[in-house]
Each structure stands twice: as C-alpha cells, then as structure tokens.
Amino acid sequence: MTGGPHARPDVPQDPKEAPVRRLMETAHPPVPPDLTRRAVARGGRLLRVRNAARTLAWTVLAGATVLFLRWAAATEPWRLPPDRLTPPWPG
C-alpha cells in the first residue's frame, strides 16, 4: 500500500506525488560548516545598513522640518500681500 498510513484506497494518487517522495527519501546535500557564521554576519550587516538608512532618513526629515519652519517664520506666507491696486487714502 503506497501513500502512507493515511492513504485511502478509493482515492487515486496524484501522479506528482511519487517523484516528490523519491526526492524526499534521497540523501540531503551536506550543509557547509560555516553556514551559520556567514548567515549571522550577513544578517548583522543588513541590520546595520537598515539602521543607518533609517537614521539618515529621520535626520533628513528633521532638517527639512527645521528649514520649513524657519522659512515660514521669516516670510509669513499666511499673510496677504499688501494691496497695491487701490491708491492710498488721503488724510
């Protein structure tokens, strides 16, 4: 009986199942002994790069905010420009 202990004889087996089972039953390729060390080193590099990028992004955002606030305080863009169409009122 193929298909393991839960196989039902009334259900036909998938034709793709046999090659997959053969692959699973063969010997697995050996894992390099320094794989863990390399993975940890790469993960550390990725974290450092990600943290540096995040720090740079926040620094640029803070600088842009300060520049915007200084510009807004100096030019006061919310005030209307003086009306130059009407002549000054005599008196």
N, C-alpha and C. Protein backbone atom coordinates (compact mmCIF):
# COMPACT_ATOMS: atom_id res chain seq x y z
N MET A 1 0.85 -1.17 0.00
CA MET A 1 0.00 0.00 0.00
C MET A 1 0.90 1.23 0.00
N THR A 2 0.73 2.10 -0.99
CA THR A 2 1.53 3.31 -1.08
C THR A 2 0.70 4.48 -0.59
N GLY A 3 1.40 5.59 -0.28
CA GLY A 3 0.68 6.78 0.15
C GLY A 3 0.69 6.96 1.64
N GLY A 4 1.35 6.14 2.39
CA GLY A 4 1.49 6.33 3.82
C GLY A 4 0.33 5.73 4.59
N PRO A 5 0.31 5.92 5.90
CA PRO A 5 -0.71 5.29 6.74
C PRO A 5 -2.10 5.91 6.56
N HIS A 6 -2.16 7.13 6.03
CA HIS A 6 -3.47 7.80 5.89
C HIS A 6 -4.00 7.72 4.47
N ALA A 7 -3.38 6.93 3.62
CA ALA A 7 -3.83 6.84 2.23
C ALA A 7 -5.15 6.07 2.18
N ARG A 8 -6.03 6.55 1.35
CA ARG A 8 -7.31 5.88 1.16
C ARG A 8 -7.27 5.15 -0.16
N PRO A 9 -7.64 3.88 -0.17
CA PRO A 9 -7.56 3.10 -1.41
C PRO A 9 -8.54 3.56 -2.47
N ASP A 10 -9.64 4.24 -2.08
CA ASP A 10 -10.64 4.65 -3.06
C ASP A 10 -10.26 5.96 -3.76
N VAL A 11 -9.23 6.69 -3.28
CA VAL A 11 -8.82 7.96 -3.88
C VAL A 11 -7.57 7.70 -4.71
N PRO A 12 -7.60 8.05 -6.00
CA PRO A 12 -6.40 7.82 -6.83
C PRO A 12 -5.28 8.75 -6.38
N GLN A 13 -4.04 8.25 -6.49
CA GLN A 13 -2.89 9.04 -6.07
C GLN A 13 -2.52 10.06 -7.14
N ASP A 14 -1.99 11.17 -6.69
CA ASP A 14 -1.54 12.22 -7.57
C ASP A 14 -0.30 11.74 -8.31
N PRO A 15 -0.22 11.91 -9.63
CA PRO A 15 0.96 11.44 -10.36
C PRO A 15 2.23 12.20 -9.98
N LYS A 16 2.10 13.37 -9.40
CA LYS A 16 3.29 14.14 -9.00
C LYS A 16 3.81 13.69 -7.64
N GLU A 17 3.07 12.89 -6.92
CA GLU A 17 3.46 12.51 -5.58
C GLU A 17 4.66 11.58 -5.56
N ALA A 18 4.74 10.63 -6.47
CA ALA A 18 5.84 9.65 -6.47
C ALA A 18 7.20 10.33 -6.67
N PRO A 19 7.38 11.23 -7.64
CA PRO A 19 8.69 11.88 -7.76
C PRO A 19 9.06 12.71 -6.53
N VAL A 20 8.08 13.34 -5.93
CA VAL A 20 8.35 14.13 -4.73
C VAL A 20 8.78 13.22 -3.59
N ARG A 21 8.12 12.09 -3.44
CA ARG A 21 8.51 11.15 -2.39
C ARG A 21 9.92 10.64 -2.62
N ARG A 22 10.28 10.37 -3.86
CA ARG A 22 11.64 9.89 -4.16
C ARG A 22 12.67 10.96 -3.79
N LEU A 23 12.37 12.22 -4.08
CA LEU A 23 13.28 13.30 -3.70
C LEU A 23 13.43 13.40 -2.19
N MET A 24 12.33 13.24 -1.47
CA MET A 24 12.38 13.36 -0.02
C MET A 24 13.13 12.20 0.62
N GLU A 25 13.13 11.04 -0.01
CA GLU A 25 13.79 9.86 0.57
C GLU A 25 15.27 9.80 0.24
N THR A 26 15.77 10.59 -0.70
CA THR A 26 17.20 10.56 -1.03
C THR A 26 17.98 11.34 0.01
N ALA A 27 19.29 11.17 -0.01
CA ALA A 27 20.16 11.86 0.94
C ALA A 27 20.17 13.35 0.62
N HIS A 28 20.15 14.13 1.68
CA HIS A 28 20.17 15.58 1.51
C HIS A 28 21.61 16.05 1.29
N PRO A 29 21.80 17.14 0.56
CA PRO A 29 23.16 17.64 0.35
C PRO A 29 23.76 18.13 1.67
N PRO A 30 25.06 18.03 1.82
CA PRO A 30 25.67 18.47 3.08
C PRO A 30 25.61 19.99 3.22
N VAL A 31 25.45 20.42 4.45
CA VAL A 31 25.39 21.85 4.76
C VAL A 31 26.81 22.31 5.08
N PRO A 32 27.25 23.44 4.50
CA PRO A 32 28.59 23.93 4.81
C PRO A 32 28.73 24.20 6.32
N PRO A 33 29.88 23.86 6.89
CA PRO A 33 30.02 24.03 8.35
C PRO A 33 30.00 25.49 8.80
N ASP A 34 30.34 26.43 7.94
CA ASP A 34 30.36 27.83 8.34
C ASP A 34 29.10 28.58 7.90
N LEU A 35 28.06 27.84 7.56
CA LEU A 35 26.84 28.48 7.08
C LEU A 35 26.21 29.38 8.15
N THR A 36 26.18 28.94 9.38
CA THR A 36 25.58 29.73 10.46
C THR A 36 26.36 31.02 10.66
N ARG A 37 27.69 30.94 10.68
CA ARG A 37 28.52 32.13 10.88
C ARG A 37 28.30 33.13 9.76
N ARG A 38 28.24 32.64 8.52
CA ARG A 38 28.03 33.55 7.38
C ARG A 38 26.65 34.18 7.44
N ALA A 39 25.64 33.39 7.82
CA ALA A 39 24.27 33.93 7.90
C ALA A 39 24.17 34.99 8.98
N VAL A 40 24.81 34.76 10.13
CA VAL A 40 24.78 35.75 11.21
C VAL A 40 25.50 37.02 10.79
N ALA A 41 26.64 36.86 10.11
CA ALA A 41 27.39 38.04 9.65
C ALA A 41 26.58 38.85 8.64
N ARG A 42 25.94 38.15 7.72
CA ARG A 42 25.14 38.85 6.70
C ARG A 42 23.94 39.55 7.35
N GLY A 43 23.30 38.87 8.30
CA GLY A 43 22.17 39.48 8.99
C GLY A 43 22.60 40.72 9.76
N GLY A 44 23.78 40.65 10.39
CA GLY A 44 24.29 41.82 11.12
C GLY A 44 24.55 42.99 10.18
N ARG A 45 25.12 42.69 9.02
CA ARG A 45 25.37 43.75 8.03
C ARG A 45 24.05 44.36 7.57
N LEU A 46 23.08 43.53 7.29
CA LEU A 46 21.78 44.04 6.84
C LEU A 46 21.14 44.93 7.92
N LEU A 47 21.24 44.52 9.18
CA LEU A 47 20.67 45.34 10.25
C LEU A 47 21.39 46.67 10.37
N ARG A 48 22.72 46.67 10.26
CA ARG A 48 23.47 47.93 10.35
C ARG A 48 23.11 48.86 9.20
N VAL A 49 23.00 48.32 8.00
CA VAL A 49 22.65 49.16 6.84
C VAL A 49 21.24 49.71 7.01
N ARG A 50 20.33 48.87 7.46
CA ARG A 50 18.95 49.31 7.64
C ARG A 50 18.85 50.39 8.72
N ASN A 51 19.58 50.21 9.82
CA ASN A 51 19.56 51.23 10.88
C ASN A 51 20.20 52.52 10.40
N ALA A 52 21.28 52.44 9.64
CA ALA A 52 21.92 53.65 9.12
C ALA A 52 20.97 54.38 8.16
N ALA A 53 20.28 53.64 7.32
CA ALA A 53 19.34 54.27 6.38
C ALA A 53 18.19 54.92 7.14
N ARG A 54 17.70 54.27 8.18
CA ARG A 54 16.61 54.84 8.97
C ARG A 54 17.07 56.11 9.68
N THR A 55 18.28 56.08 10.24
CA THR A 55 18.81 57.26 10.91
C THR A 55 18.98 58.41 9.93
N LEU A 56 19.51 58.11 8.75
CA LEU A 56 19.67 59.14 7.72
C LEU A 56 18.32 59.72 7.31
N ALA A 57 17.33 58.88 7.12
CA ALA A 57 16.01 59.35 6.71
C ALA A 57 15.40 60.27 7.78
N TRP A 58 15.50 59.89 9.06
CA TRP A 58 14.96 60.74 10.12
C TRP A 58 15.73 62.05 10.23
N THR A 59 17.05 62.01 10.02
CA THR A 59 17.85 63.23 10.08
C THR A 59 17.46 64.18 8.95
N VAL A 60 17.28 63.65 7.75
CA VAL A 60 16.87 64.48 6.61
C VAL A 60 15.47 65.06 6.86
N LEU A 61 14.58 64.24 7.39
CA LEU A 61 13.22 64.72 7.68
C LEU A 61 13.25 65.83 8.74
N ALA A 62 14.04 65.65 9.78
CA ALA A 62 14.13 66.68 10.83
C ALA A 62 14.74 67.96 10.26
N GLY A 63 15.78 67.84 9.44
CA GLY A 63 16.38 69.03 8.83
C GLY A 63 15.41 69.76 7.92
N ALA A 64 14.66 69.01 7.13
CA ALA A 64 13.67 69.64 6.24
C ALA A 64 12.58 70.34 7.06
N THR A 65 12.20 69.75 8.17
CA THR A 65 11.18 70.38 9.01
C THR A 65 11.70 71.68 9.60
N VAL A 66 12.94 71.67 10.09
CA VAL A 66 13.52 72.91 10.65
C VAL A 66 13.63 73.98 9.57
N LEU A 67 14.10 73.60 8.38
CA LEU A 67 14.20 74.58 7.30
C LEU A 67 12.83 75.15 6.92
N PHE A 68 11.83 74.30 6.85
CA PHE A 68 10.49 74.78 6.52
C PHE A 68 9.97 75.75 7.58
N LEU A 69 10.17 75.41 8.84
CA LEU A 69 9.68 76.28 9.91
C LEU A 69 10.41 77.62 9.92
N ARG A 70 11.70 77.62 9.66
CA ARG A 70 12.45 78.89 9.59
C ARG A 70 11.98 79.72 8.40
N TRP A 71 11.75 79.07 7.25
CA TRP A 71 11.25 79.81 6.08
C TRP A 71 9.87 80.39 6.38
N ALA A 72 9.01 79.60 6.98
CA ALA A 72 7.66 80.06 7.27
C ALA A 72 7.68 81.22 8.26
N ALA A 73 8.56 81.16 9.25
CA ALA A 73 8.63 82.25 10.23
C ALA A 73 9.18 83.52 9.59
N ALA A 74 10.08 83.39 8.65
CA ALA A 74 10.68 84.57 8.02
C ALA A 74 9.76 85.21 6.99
N THR A 75 9.08 84.43 6.19
CA THR A 75 8.28 85.00 5.10
C THR A 75 6.82 85.16 5.46
N GLU A 76 6.33 84.50 6.48
CA GLU A 76 4.93 84.53 6.90
C GLU A 76 4.01 84.38 5.69
N PRO A 77 4.00 83.21 5.05
CA PRO A 77 3.21 83.02 3.83
C PRO A 77 1.70 83.04 4.07
N TRP A 78 1.26 83.02 5.31
CA TRP A 78 -0.17 83.03 5.58
C TRP A 78 -0.74 84.44 5.55
N ARG A 79 0.11 85.46 5.57
CA ARG A 79 -0.37 86.85 5.49
C ARG A 79 -0.63 87.22 4.03
N LEU A 80 -1.62 88.05 3.82
CA LEU A 80 -1.93 88.52 2.48
C LEU A 80 -0.92 89.59 2.07
N PRO A 81 -0.55 89.62 0.81
CA PRO A 81 0.36 90.68 0.38
C PRO A 81 -0.36 92.03 0.42
N PRO A 82 0.36 93.11 0.55
CA PRO A 82 -0.30 94.42 0.58
C PRO A 82 -1.03 94.67 -0.75
N ASP A 83 -2.16 95.30 -0.63
CA ASP A 83 -2.98 95.57 -1.80
C ASP A 83 -2.40 96.77 -2.53
N ARG A 84 -1.98 96.62 -3.74
CA ARG A 84 -1.35 97.69 -4.50
C ARG A 84 -2.28 98.26 -5.59
N LEU A 85 -3.49 97.81 -5.63
CA LEU A 85 -4.41 98.26 -6.68
C LEU A 85 -5.13 99.56 -6.29
N THR A 86 -5.35 99.79 -5.04
CA THR A 86 -6.05 101.00 -4.63
C THR A 86 -5.07 102.06 -4.17
N PRO A 87 -5.33 103.30 -4.49
CA PRO A 87 -4.41 104.36 -4.05
C PRO A 87 -4.53 104.56 -2.54
N PRO A 88 -3.53 105.12 -1.95
CA PRO A 88 -3.61 105.38 -0.50
C PRO A 88 -4.73 106.37 -0.19
N TRP A 89 -5.33 106.27 0.94
CA TRP A 89 -6.44 107.12 1.35
C TRP A 89 -5.88 108.46 1.83
N PRO A 90 -6.43 109.53 1.30
CA PRO A 90 -5.90 110.83 1.73
C PRO A 90 -6.35 111.12 3.16
N GLY A 91 -5.49 111.68 3.87
CA GLY A 91 -5.92 112.10 5.18
C GLY A 91 -5.03 111.86 6.25
